[in-house]
Amino acid sequence: IAALLQGQAQKKKILPADVQIKIATQAAPVEFRAGAKVYGYDEAGKFTTLREGTNGYICLGPELNSSTYYAYCYPESLEPFMARGREITNEGKRKERDKIREEEYKAGKLSIPSQPTTLYGYWGSADKVNAETGEMSDAKRRYVIYIPYAKAADLGLSNKGNNLGTPWLMDEGTYKAHIMITPPLSHNH
């Protein structure tokens, strides 16, 4: 019992819904924040809707028990793809997630938009969150533009990753090819 109690003591307290919403919506461009639907966690740790949306955007609050809080925002058209990824991860198949989604996409069981679609990422240290604003003093951002089956040469992009802010194409030629744009993670470059 002592080990169980110690494990529970080490488990982080679930953030209040309003703080989760503030963190989640920081991922979105300013004009999408107020109307975005927000998913996060209830007091029991269950993934749930924290706020209904009105503008066609979805924001995800930070995962629990992590020293880094990640938040994402994307249009509803990406939700089938994103939701299926969460389901697979929750089934304990994180390593197989991409393979499973690709098989389901090719079989017509999973959709991803055929037009370019943007996902916004925002992350930082859990201990550097301003509970009033949801901002993190060490926050970083990433922009991901899905363009199924895109080829780097056709877009005039590299297919080599970088942290310099230069766009590049990841997963080239696949159903989930996407342009990655990560503002410089260090001012030394």
N, C-alpha and C. Protein backbone atom coordinates (compact mmCIF):
# COMPACT_ATOMS: atom_id res chain seq x y z
N ILE A 1 0.83 -1.18 0.00
CA ILE A 1 0.00 0.00 0.00
C ILE A 1 0.88 1.25 0.00
N ALA A 2 1.99 1.23 0.71
CA ALA A 2 2.87 2.40 0.76
C ALA A 2 3.35 2.77 -0.64
N ALA A 3 3.71 1.76 -1.44
CA ALA A 3 4.18 2.02 -2.81
C ALA A 3 3.05 2.62 -3.65
N LEU A 4 1.84 2.13 -3.46
CA LEU A 4 0.70 2.66 -4.20
C LEU A 4 0.45 4.12 -3.83
N LEU A 5 0.50 4.44 -2.55
CA LEU A 5 0.29 5.81 -2.09
C LEU A 5 1.40 6.72 -2.60
N GLN A 6 2.63 6.22 -2.60
CA GLN A 6 3.74 7.02 -3.10
C GLN A 6 3.55 7.30 -4.59
N GLY A 7 3.12 6.30 -5.34
CA GLY A 7 2.87 6.47 -6.77
C GLY A 7 1.79 7.51 -7.01
N GLN A 8 0.74 7.48 -6.20
CA GLN A 8 -0.33 8.46 -6.35
C GLN A 8 0.17 9.86 -5.99
N ALA A 9 1.03 9.96 -5.01
CA ALA A 9 1.56 11.26 -4.60
C ALA A 9 2.42 11.86 -5.72
N GLN A 10 3.12 11.00 -6.47
CA GLN A 10 3.97 11.48 -7.55
C GLN A 10 3.16 11.89 -8.77
N LYS A 11 1.94 11.40 -8.89
CA LYS A 11 1.09 11.72 -10.02
C LYS A 11 0.70 13.19 -9.93
N LYS A 12 0.80 13.90 -11.06
CA LYS A 12 0.49 15.31 -11.05
C LYS A 12 -0.99 15.55 -10.86
N LYS A 13 -1.28 16.66 -10.25
CA LYS A 13 -2.65 17.09 -10.09
C LYS A 13 -3.19 17.53 -11.45
N ILE A 14 -4.41 17.18 -11.76
CA ILE A 14 -5.01 17.56 -13.03
C ILE A 14 -5.30 19.06 -12.99
N LEU A 15 -4.88 19.74 -14.01
CA LEU A 15 -5.09 21.17 -14.09
C LEU A 15 -6.58 21.50 -14.18
N PRO A 16 -7.02 22.61 -13.60
CA PRO A 16 -8.42 23.01 -13.75
C PRO A 16 -8.75 23.19 -15.23
N ALA A 17 -9.99 22.94 -15.61
CA ALA A 17 -10.41 23.01 -17.01
C ALA A 17 -10.07 24.36 -17.64
N ASP A 18 -10.28 25.45 -16.91
CA ASP A 18 -10.01 26.76 -17.51
C ASP A 18 -8.53 26.94 -17.83
N VAL A 19 -7.64 26.37 -17.03
CA VAL A 19 -6.20 26.47 -17.30
C VAL A 19 -5.85 25.58 -18.49
N GLN A 20 -6.43 24.38 -18.56
CA GLN A 20 -6.19 23.52 -19.71
C GLN A 20 -6.63 24.21 -21.00
N ILE A 21 -7.77 24.88 -20.95
CA ILE A 21 -8.29 25.59 -22.13
C ILE A 21 -7.33 26.71 -22.53
N LYS A 22 -6.83 27.44 -21.55
CA LYS A 22 -5.89 28.52 -21.84
C LYS A 22 -4.62 27.99 -22.50
N ILE A 23 -4.09 26.89 -21.99
CA ILE A 23 -2.87 26.30 -22.58
C ILE A 23 -3.17 25.79 -23.98
N ALA A 24 -4.27 25.05 -24.12
CA ALA A 24 -4.62 24.45 -25.41
C ALA A 24 -4.79 25.51 -26.49
N THR A 25 -5.48 26.58 -26.16
CA THR A 25 -5.77 27.59 -27.18
C THR A 25 -4.55 28.44 -27.53
N GLN A 26 -3.49 28.39 -26.72
CA GLN A 26 -2.26 29.09 -27.08
C GLN A 26 -1.66 28.53 -28.37
N ALA A 27 -2.00 27.28 -28.71
CA ALA A 27 -1.48 26.68 -29.94
C ALA A 27 -2.08 27.35 -31.17
N ALA A 28 -3.28 27.85 -31.05
CA ALA A 28 -4.01 28.39 -32.20
C ALA A 28 -3.60 29.82 -32.52
N PRO A 29 -3.76 30.21 -33.79
CA PRO A 29 -3.62 31.63 -34.10
C PRO A 29 -4.64 32.41 -33.27
N VAL A 30 -4.31 33.62 -32.91
CA VAL A 30 -5.14 34.43 -32.01
C VAL A 30 -6.60 34.46 -32.45
N GLU A 31 -6.85 34.62 -33.74
CA GLU A 31 -8.22 34.77 -34.21
C GLU A 31 -9.06 33.49 -34.11
N PHE A 32 -8.44 32.35 -33.85
CA PHE A 32 -9.19 31.08 -33.73
C PHE A 32 -9.39 30.65 -32.28
N ARG A 33 -8.74 31.29 -31.35
CA ARG A 33 -8.73 30.83 -29.96
C ARG A 33 -10.09 30.83 -29.28
N ALA A 34 -10.81 31.92 -29.37
CA ALA A 34 -12.07 32.05 -28.62
C ALA A 34 -13.14 31.05 -29.06
N GLY A 35 -13.16 30.69 -30.34
CA GLY A 35 -14.22 29.81 -30.83
C GLY A 35 -13.83 28.36 -31.01
N ALA A 36 -12.60 27.98 -30.65
CA ALA A 36 -12.14 26.61 -30.85
C ALA A 36 -12.74 25.65 -29.83
N LYS A 37 -13.07 24.46 -30.29
CA LYS A 37 -13.46 23.38 -29.39
C LYS A 37 -12.20 22.93 -28.68
N VAL A 38 -12.31 22.60 -27.39
CA VAL A 38 -11.12 22.20 -26.64
C VAL A 38 -11.35 20.86 -25.95
N TYR A 39 -10.40 19.96 -26.18
CA TYR A 39 -10.36 18.68 -25.48
C TYR A 39 -9.30 18.74 -24.40
N GLY A 40 -9.55 18.07 -23.30
CA GLY A 40 -8.59 17.98 -22.21
C GLY A 40 -9.00 16.86 -21.29
N TYR A 41 -8.77 17.04 -20.00
CA TYR A 41 -9.02 15.97 -19.03
C TYR A 41 -9.92 16.45 -17.91
N ASP A 42 -10.85 15.57 -17.51
CA ASP A 42 -11.70 15.90 -16.36
C ASP A 42 -10.95 15.53 -15.07
N GLU A 43 -11.60 15.74 -13.94
CA GLU A 43 -10.96 15.52 -12.63
C GLU A 43 -10.49 14.08 -12.44
N ALA A 44 -11.14 13.14 -13.14
CA ALA A 44 -10.79 11.72 -13.02
C ALA A 44 -9.67 11.33 -14.00
N GLY A 45 -9.24 12.28 -14.82
CA GLY A 45 -8.19 11.97 -15.78
C GLY A 45 -8.70 11.42 -17.10
N LYS A 46 -10.01 11.51 -17.32
CA LYS A 46 -10.61 11.02 -18.57
C LYS A 46 -10.56 12.12 -19.64
N PHE A 47 -10.12 11.75 -20.84
CA PHE A 47 -10.07 12.67 -21.97
C PHE A 47 -11.50 13.04 -22.33
N THR A 48 -11.78 14.34 -22.43
CA THR A 48 -13.15 14.78 -22.63
C THR A 48 -13.19 16.15 -23.30
N THR A 49 -14.38 16.57 -23.70
CA THR A 49 -14.57 17.91 -24.24
C THR A 49 -14.65 18.89 -23.08
N LEU A 50 -13.76 19.86 -23.07
CA LEU A 50 -13.77 20.88 -22.02
C LEU A 50 -14.60 22.09 -22.43
N ARG A 51 -14.67 22.33 -23.75
CA ARG A 51 -15.44 23.46 -24.26
C ARG A 51 -15.87 23.14 -25.68
N GLU A 52 -17.13 23.38 -25.98
CA GLU A 52 -17.61 23.21 -27.35
C GLU A 52 -17.11 24.36 -28.20
N GLY A 53 -16.98 24.14 -29.49
CA GLY A 53 -16.47 25.17 -30.38
C GLY A 53 -17.51 25.71 -31.32
N THR A 54 -17.17 26.82 -31.96
CA THR A 54 -18.08 27.48 -32.90
C THR A 54 -17.43 27.80 -34.23
N ASN A 55 -16.11 27.59 -34.36
CA ASN A 55 -15.43 28.06 -35.56
C ASN A 55 -14.76 26.98 -36.41
N GLY A 56 -14.97 25.71 -36.10
CA GLY A 56 -14.39 24.65 -36.91
C GLY A 56 -12.96 24.27 -36.56
N TYR A 57 -12.45 24.78 -35.42
CA TYR A 57 -11.10 24.42 -34.99
C TYR A 57 -11.16 23.63 -33.69
N ILE A 58 -10.19 22.76 -33.51
CA ILE A 58 -10.09 21.92 -32.32
C ILE A 58 -8.72 22.15 -31.70
N CYS A 59 -8.70 22.34 -30.39
CA CYS A 59 -7.44 22.46 -29.65
C CYS A 59 -7.37 21.34 -28.63
N LEU A 60 -6.20 20.77 -28.48
CA LEU A 60 -5.97 19.71 -27.50
C LEU A 60 -5.16 20.25 -26.34
N GLY A 61 -5.66 20.03 -25.14
CA GLY A 61 -4.93 20.43 -23.94
C GLY A 61 -3.75 19.52 -23.71
N PRO A 62 -2.89 19.89 -22.78
CA PRO A 62 -1.68 19.11 -22.52
C PRO A 62 -1.98 17.75 -21.92
N GLU A 63 -1.15 16.77 -22.29
CA GLU A 63 -1.27 15.45 -21.70
C GLU A 63 -0.91 15.53 -20.22
N LEU A 64 -1.49 14.65 -19.47
CA LEU A 64 -1.25 14.62 -18.03
C LEU A 64 0.10 14.00 -17.71
N ASN A 65 0.60 14.30 -16.53
CA ASN A 65 1.80 13.67 -15.98
C ASN A 65 3.02 13.80 -16.87
N SER A 66 3.17 14.93 -17.49
CA SER A 66 4.33 15.17 -18.33
C SER A 66 5.04 16.42 -17.85
N SER A 67 6.35 16.42 -17.93
CA SER A 67 7.09 17.61 -17.52
C SER A 67 7.07 18.67 -18.62
N THR A 68 6.66 18.26 -19.82
CA THR A 68 6.49 19.19 -20.94
C THR A 68 5.03 19.15 -21.35
N TYR A 69 4.42 20.31 -21.48
CA TYR A 69 3.03 20.39 -21.93
C TYR A 69 3.00 20.67 -23.42
N TYR A 70 2.33 19.80 -24.16
CA TYR A 70 2.16 19.97 -25.60
C TYR A 70 0.70 20.29 -25.86
N ALA A 71 0.44 21.30 -26.67
CA ALA A 71 -0.91 21.65 -27.07
C ALA A 71 -0.93 21.74 -28.60
N TYR A 72 -2.05 21.39 -29.19
CA TYR A 72 -2.18 21.41 -30.64
C TYR A 72 -3.53 22.01 -31.02
N CYS A 73 -3.58 22.60 -32.20
CA CYS A 73 -4.83 23.11 -32.74
C CYS A 73 -4.85 22.78 -34.22
N TYR A 74 -6.03 22.43 -34.73
CA TYR A 74 -6.17 22.05 -36.14
C TYR A 74 -7.63 22.18 -36.54
N PRO A 75 -7.90 22.25 -37.86
CA PRO A 75 -9.28 22.32 -38.31
C PRO A 75 -9.98 20.97 -38.13
N GLU A 76 -11.29 21.00 -38.00
CA GLU A 76 -12.07 19.78 -37.78
C GLU A 76 -11.82 18.72 -38.86
N SER A 77 -11.42 19.15 -40.05
CA SER A 77 -11.18 18.19 -41.13
C SER A 77 -10.05 17.21 -40.80
N LEU A 78 -9.17 17.56 -39.87
CA LEU A 78 -8.08 16.65 -39.46
C LEU A 78 -8.49 15.74 -38.30
N GLU A 79 -9.66 15.96 -37.71
CA GLU A 79 -10.04 15.22 -36.51
C GLU A 79 -10.09 13.71 -36.69
N PRO A 80 -10.64 13.17 -37.80
CA PRO A 80 -10.62 11.70 -37.92
C PRO A 80 -9.20 11.12 -37.81
N PHE A 81 -8.25 11.76 -38.46
CA PHE A 81 -6.84 11.34 -38.43
C PHE A 81 -6.27 11.46 -37.02
N MET A 82 -6.50 12.61 -36.39
CA MET A 82 -5.97 12.85 -35.05
C MET A 82 -6.64 11.94 -34.01
N ALA A 83 -7.95 11.81 -34.08
CA ALA A 83 -8.68 10.98 -33.11
C ALA A 83 -8.24 9.52 -33.22
N ARG A 84 -8.05 9.05 -34.44
CA ARG A 84 -7.61 7.66 -34.62
C ARG A 84 -6.22 7.47 -34.03
N GLY A 85 -5.36 8.46 -34.17
CA GLY A 85 -4.03 8.38 -33.56
C GLY A 85 -4.12 8.27 -32.04
N ARG A 86 -5.03 9.04 -31.43
CA ARG A 86 -5.21 8.95 -29.97
C ARG A 86 -5.72 7.58 -29.57
N GLU A 87 -6.67 7.04 -30.35
CA GLU A 87 -7.22 5.71 -30.03
C GLU A 87 -6.12 4.64 -30.07
N ILE A 88 -5.33 4.67 -31.11
CA ILE A 88 -4.26 3.67 -31.26
C ILE A 88 -3.25 3.80 -30.12
N THR A 89 -2.89 5.02 -29.78
CA THR A 89 -1.96 5.25 -28.67
C THR A 89 -2.55 4.73 -27.37
N ASN A 90 -3.84 5.00 -27.13
CA ASN A 90 -4.50 4.53 -25.91
C ASN A 90 -4.60 3.02 -25.84
N GLU A 91 -4.54 2.36 -26.99
CA GLU A 91 -4.55 0.88 -27.04
C GLU A 91 -3.15 0.33 -26.76
N GLY A 92 -2.19 1.21 -26.49
CA GLY A 92 -0.83 0.77 -26.21
C GLY A 92 -0.02 0.44 -27.45
N LYS A 93 -0.44 0.96 -28.61
CA LYS A 93 0.23 0.66 -29.87
C LYS A 93 0.88 1.89 -30.48
N ARG A 94 1.48 2.73 -29.66
CA ARG A 94 2.08 3.97 -30.12
C ARG A 94 3.08 3.74 -31.26
N LYS A 95 3.91 2.70 -31.13
CA LYS A 95 4.92 2.44 -32.15
C LYS A 95 4.31 2.00 -33.48
N GLU A 96 3.13 1.41 -33.43
CA GLU A 96 2.47 0.93 -34.65
C GLU A 96 1.49 1.95 -35.22
N ARG A 97 1.33 3.09 -34.55
CA ARG A 97 0.30 4.06 -34.91
C ARG A 97 0.34 4.47 -36.38
N ASP A 98 1.50 4.88 -36.87
CA ASP A 98 1.58 5.35 -38.26
C ASP A 98 1.25 4.24 -39.25
N LYS A 99 1.75 3.04 -38.98
CA LYS A 99 1.49 1.90 -39.88
C LYS A 99 0.00 1.56 -39.91
N ILE A 100 -0.63 1.54 -38.75
CA ILE A 100 -2.06 1.23 -38.66
C ILE A 100 -2.88 2.28 -39.38
N ARG A 101 -2.58 3.56 -39.13
CA ARG A 101 -3.34 4.62 -39.81
C ARG A 101 -3.15 4.57 -41.31
N GLU A 102 -1.94 4.29 -41.76
CA GLU A 102 -1.71 4.22 -43.20
C GLU A 102 -2.52 3.08 -43.83
N GLU A 103 -2.51 1.92 -43.18
CA GLU A 103 -3.30 0.79 -43.69
C GLU A 103 -4.79 1.14 -43.75
N GLU A 104 -5.28 1.80 -42.70
CA GLU A 104 -6.69 2.18 -42.66
C GLU A 104 -7.01 3.24 -43.71
N TYR A 105 -6.08 4.18 -43.92
CA TYR A 105 -6.28 5.20 -44.95
C TYR A 105 -6.35 4.55 -46.33
N LYS A 106 -5.41 3.67 -46.62
CA LYS A 106 -5.37 3.01 -47.93
C LYS A 106 -6.59 2.12 -48.16
N ALA A 107 -7.16 1.60 -47.07
CA ALA A 107 -8.36 0.75 -47.17
C ALA A 107 -9.65 1.58 -47.22
N GLY A 108 -9.52 2.91 -47.14
CA GLY A 108 -10.69 3.77 -47.19
C GLY A 108 -11.44 3.88 -45.87
N LYS A 109 -10.82 3.42 -44.78
CA LYS A 109 -11.47 3.44 -43.46
C LYS A 109 -11.12 4.69 -42.66
N LEU A 110 -10.15 5.47 -43.12
CA LEU A 110 -9.70 6.65 -42.40
C LEU A 110 -9.50 7.77 -43.41
N SER A 111 -9.96 8.96 -43.06
CA SER A 111 -9.80 10.08 -43.99
C SER A 111 -8.79 11.09 -43.46
N ILE A 112 -8.15 11.75 -44.40
CA ILE A 112 -7.29 12.89 -44.14
C ILE A 112 -7.60 13.85 -45.29
N PRO A 113 -7.67 15.14 -45.02
CA PRO A 113 -8.03 16.08 -46.09
C PRO A 113 -7.08 15.98 -47.29
N SER A 114 -7.64 16.12 -48.48
CA SER A 114 -6.82 16.06 -49.69
C SER A 114 -6.19 17.42 -50.00
N GLN A 115 -6.75 18.49 -49.44
CA GLN A 115 -6.16 19.82 -49.62
C GLN A 115 -5.17 20.09 -48.49
N PRO A 116 -4.26 21.03 -48.67
CA PRO A 116 -3.33 21.37 -47.58
C PRO A 116 -4.09 21.78 -46.32
N THR A 117 -3.65 21.26 -45.18
CA THR A 117 -4.32 21.49 -43.90
C THR A 117 -3.26 21.71 -42.82
N THR A 118 -3.47 22.72 -41.98
CA THR A 118 -2.45 23.11 -41.01
C THR A 118 -2.76 22.67 -39.59
N LEU A 119 -1.75 22.16 -38.91
CA LEU A 119 -1.79 21.83 -37.49
C LEU A 119 -0.80 22.77 -36.81
N TYR A 120 -1.23 23.38 -35.70
CA TYR A 120 -0.40 24.31 -34.94
C TYR A 120 0.02 23.64 -33.65
N GLY A 121 1.31 23.68 -33.33
CA GLY A 121 1.81 23.08 -32.10
C GLY A 121 2.40 24.14 -31.19
N TYR A 122 2.26 23.89 -29.89
CA TYR A 122 2.77 24.82 -28.86
C TYR A 122 3.19 23.96 -27.69
N TRP A 123 4.41 24.15 -27.19
CA TRP A 123 4.85 23.35 -26.06
C TRP A 123 5.87 24.09 -25.21
N GLY A 124 5.96 23.64 -23.97
CA GLY A 124 6.93 24.21 -23.05
C GLY A 124 6.90 23.46 -21.73
N SER A 125 7.72 23.89 -20.81
CA SER A 125 7.85 23.22 -19.51
C SER A 125 6.60 23.40 -18.66
N ALA A 126 6.13 22.30 -18.10
CA ALA A 126 4.94 22.34 -17.26
C ALA A 126 5.12 23.28 -16.08
N ASP A 127 6.33 23.38 -15.57
CA ASP A 127 6.55 24.24 -14.41
C ASP A 127 6.73 25.72 -14.77
N LYS A 128 6.59 26.05 -16.05
CA LYS A 128 6.72 27.45 -16.47
C LYS A 128 5.42 27.99 -17.06
N VAL A 129 4.30 27.41 -16.65
CA VAL A 129 2.98 27.83 -17.14
C VAL A 129 2.43 28.96 -16.28
N ASN A 130 1.94 29.98 -16.95
CA ASN A 130 1.22 31.05 -16.28
C ASN A 130 -0.25 30.61 -16.25
N ALA A 131 -0.77 30.29 -15.08
CA ALA A 131 -2.13 29.77 -14.95
C ALA A 131 -3.19 30.79 -15.38
N GLU A 132 -2.84 32.06 -15.38
CA GLU A 132 -3.81 33.10 -15.79
C GLU A 132 -3.94 33.19 -17.31
N THR A 133 -2.83 32.99 -18.03
CA THR A 133 -2.84 33.18 -19.49
C THR A 133 -2.67 31.89 -20.28
N GLY A 134 -2.11 30.85 -19.65
CA GLY A 134 -1.79 29.62 -20.36
C GLY A 134 -0.47 29.70 -21.10
N GLU A 135 0.21 30.82 -21.00
CA GLU A 135 1.49 30.98 -21.68
C GLU A 135 2.60 30.32 -20.86
N MET A 136 3.61 29.82 -21.57
CA MET A 136 4.77 29.23 -20.92
C MET A 136 5.97 30.10 -21.25
N SER A 137 6.76 30.42 -20.26
CA SER A 137 7.88 31.34 -20.49
C SER A 137 8.94 30.76 -21.43
N ASP A 138 8.96 29.44 -21.59
CA ASP A 138 9.92 28.82 -22.50
C ASP A 138 9.23 28.19 -23.71
N ALA A 139 8.07 28.70 -24.07
CA ALA A 139 7.25 28.10 -25.14
C ALA A 139 7.95 28.07 -26.49
N LYS A 140 7.64 27.02 -27.21
CA LYS A 140 8.12 26.84 -28.58
C LYS A 140 6.89 26.57 -29.46
N ARG A 141 7.04 26.79 -30.73
CA ARG A 141 5.94 26.57 -31.67
C ARG A 141 6.42 25.74 -32.86
N ARG A 142 5.46 25.10 -33.49
CA ARG A 142 5.72 24.35 -34.72
C ARG A 142 4.46 24.43 -35.56
N TYR A 143 4.66 24.51 -36.86
CA TYR A 143 3.55 24.55 -37.81
C TYR A 143 3.72 23.37 -38.75
N VAL A 144 2.65 22.62 -38.95
CA VAL A 144 2.68 21.42 -39.78
C VAL A 144 1.58 21.58 -40.83
N ILE A 145 1.97 21.52 -42.10
CA ILE A 145 0.99 21.66 -43.18
C ILE A 145 0.94 20.35 -43.94
N TYR A 146 -0.16 19.61 -43.73
CA TYR A 146 -0.33 18.31 -44.39
C TYR A 146 -0.67 18.53 -45.86
N ILE A 147 0.09 17.85 -46.73
CA ILE A 147 -0.16 17.88 -48.18
C ILE A 147 0.05 16.44 -48.66
N PRO A 148 -1.03 15.63 -48.63
CA PRO A 148 -0.88 14.23 -48.99
C PRO A 148 -0.13 14.00 -50.31
N TYR A 149 0.80 13.06 -50.25
CA TYR A 149 1.60 12.59 -51.38
C TYR A 149 2.53 13.63 -51.98
N ALA A 150 2.76 14.73 -51.30
CA ALA A 150 3.65 15.77 -51.81
C ALA A 150 5.09 15.26 -51.93
N LYS A 151 5.77 15.80 -52.90
CA LYS A 151 7.19 15.51 -53.13
C LYS A 151 7.97 16.80 -52.89
N ALA A 152 9.08 16.69 -52.21
CA ALA A 152 9.88 17.85 -51.85
C ALA A 152 10.30 18.65 -53.08
N ALA A 153 10.75 17.96 -54.11
CA ALA A 153 11.22 18.66 -55.31
C ALA A 153 10.09 19.45 -55.97
N ASP A 154 8.88 18.90 -55.94
CA ASP A 154 7.74 19.61 -56.55
C ASP A 154 7.41 20.88 -55.80
N LEU A 155 7.67 20.90 -54.50
CA LEU A 155 7.37 22.07 -53.67
C LEU A 155 8.56 23.00 -53.51
N GLY A 156 9.73 22.58 -54.00
CA GLY A 156 10.93 23.38 -53.85
C GLY A 156 11.45 23.36 -52.42
N LEU A 157 11.23 22.26 -51.73
CA LEU A 157 11.64 22.12 -50.34
C LEU A 157 12.67 21.01 -50.17
N SER A 158 13.39 21.07 -49.07
CA SER A 158 14.27 19.99 -48.67
C SER A 158 13.41 18.92 -47.99
N ASN A 159 13.92 17.71 -47.94
CA ASN A 159 13.26 16.67 -47.15
C ASN A 159 14.13 16.30 -45.95
N LYS A 160 15.02 17.22 -45.56
CA LYS A 160 15.90 17.04 -44.40
C LYS A 160 15.46 17.97 -43.28
N GLY A 161 15.25 17.42 -42.09
CA GLY A 161 14.80 18.19 -40.95
C GLY A 161 15.82 19.21 -40.49
N ASN A 162 15.33 20.26 -39.86
CA ASN A 162 16.19 21.29 -39.30
C ASN A 162 15.44 22.02 -38.19
N ASN A 163 16.16 22.69 -37.35
CA ASN A 163 15.57 23.52 -36.30
C ASN A 163 15.95 24.98 -36.51
N LEU A 164 16.06 25.36 -37.77
CA LEU A 164 16.48 26.71 -38.11
C LEU A 164 15.33 27.59 -38.55
N GLY A 165 14.12 27.05 -38.60
CA GLY A 165 12.98 27.80 -39.08
C GLY A 165 12.72 27.61 -40.56
N THR A 166 13.57 26.86 -41.23
CA THR A 166 13.41 26.62 -42.66
C THR A 166 12.37 25.52 -42.89
N PRO A 167 11.36 25.75 -43.72
CA PRO A 167 10.37 24.70 -44.00
C PRO A 167 11.04 23.51 -44.68
N TRP A 168 10.55 22.32 -44.36
CA TRP A 168 11.04 21.10 -44.99
C TRP A 168 9.89 20.10 -45.05
N LEU A 169 9.99 19.12 -45.93
CA LEU A 169 8.91 18.15 -46.12
C LEU A 169 9.24 16.84 -45.41
N MET A 170 8.35 16.43 -44.52
CA MET A 170 8.49 15.17 -43.78
C MET A 170 7.52 14.15 -44.36
N ASP A 171 7.88 12.90 -44.28
CA ASP A 171 7.05 11.79 -44.79
C ASP A 171 6.72 11.98 -46.28
N GLU A 172 7.72 12.41 -47.02
CA GLU A 172 7.59 12.69 -48.45
C GLU A 172 6.93 11.54 -49.20
N GLY A 173 5.98 11.89 -50.06
CA GLY A 173 5.33 10.91 -50.94
C GLY A 173 4.29 10.04 -50.27
N THR A 174 4.04 10.22 -48.97
CA THR A 174 3.06 9.39 -48.28
C THR A 174 1.73 10.12 -48.12
N TYR A 175 0.73 9.39 -47.67
CA TYR A 175 -0.59 9.99 -47.46
C TYR A 175 -0.54 11.10 -46.41
N LYS A 176 0.47 11.07 -45.53
CA LYS A 176 0.57 12.10 -44.49
C LYS A 176 1.82 12.97 -44.66
N ALA A 177 2.23 13.17 -45.90
CA ALA A 177 3.35 14.09 -46.16
C ALA A 177 2.97 15.45 -45.59
N HIS A 178 3.96 16.11 -44.98
CA HIS A 178 3.66 17.41 -44.39
C HIS A 178 4.89 18.30 -44.32
N ILE A 179 4.63 19.60 -44.51
CA ILE A 179 5.67 20.60 -44.38
C ILE A 179 5.82 20.91 -42.90
N MET A 180 7.05 20.85 -42.42
CA MET A 180 7.36 21.18 -41.03
C MET A 180 8.02 22.56 -41.00
N ILE A 181 7.51 23.41 -40.12
CA ILE A 181 8.12 24.72 -39.93
C ILE A 181 8.28 24.90 -38.42
N THR A 182 9.50 24.89 -37.95
CA THR A 182 9.79 25.06 -36.54
C THR A 182 10.64 26.31 -36.39
N PRO A 183 10.07 27.37 -35.81
CA PRO A 183 10.91 28.55 -35.57
C PRO A 183 12.18 28.11 -34.83
N PRO A 184 13.27 28.82 -35.03
CA PRO A 184 14.53 28.42 -34.41
C PRO A 184 14.39 28.10 -32.94
N LEU A 185 14.90 26.94 -32.53
CA LEU A 185 14.83 26.52 -31.14
C LEU A 185 15.96 27.13 -30.34
N SER A 186 16.92 27.69 -31.03
CA SER A 186 18.06 28.33 -30.36
C SER A 186 18.40 29.60 -31.11
N HIS A 187 18.80 30.61 -30.39
CA HIS A 187 19.18 31.87 -31.03
C HIS A 187 20.63 31.84 -31.48
N ASN A 188 21.28 30.68 -31.35
CA ASN A 188 22.68 30.56 -31.73
C ASN A 188 22.87 30.31 -33.22
N HIS A 189 21.77 30.10 -33.95
CA HIS A 189 21.89 29.76 -35.38
C HIS A 189 21.67 30.96 -36.26
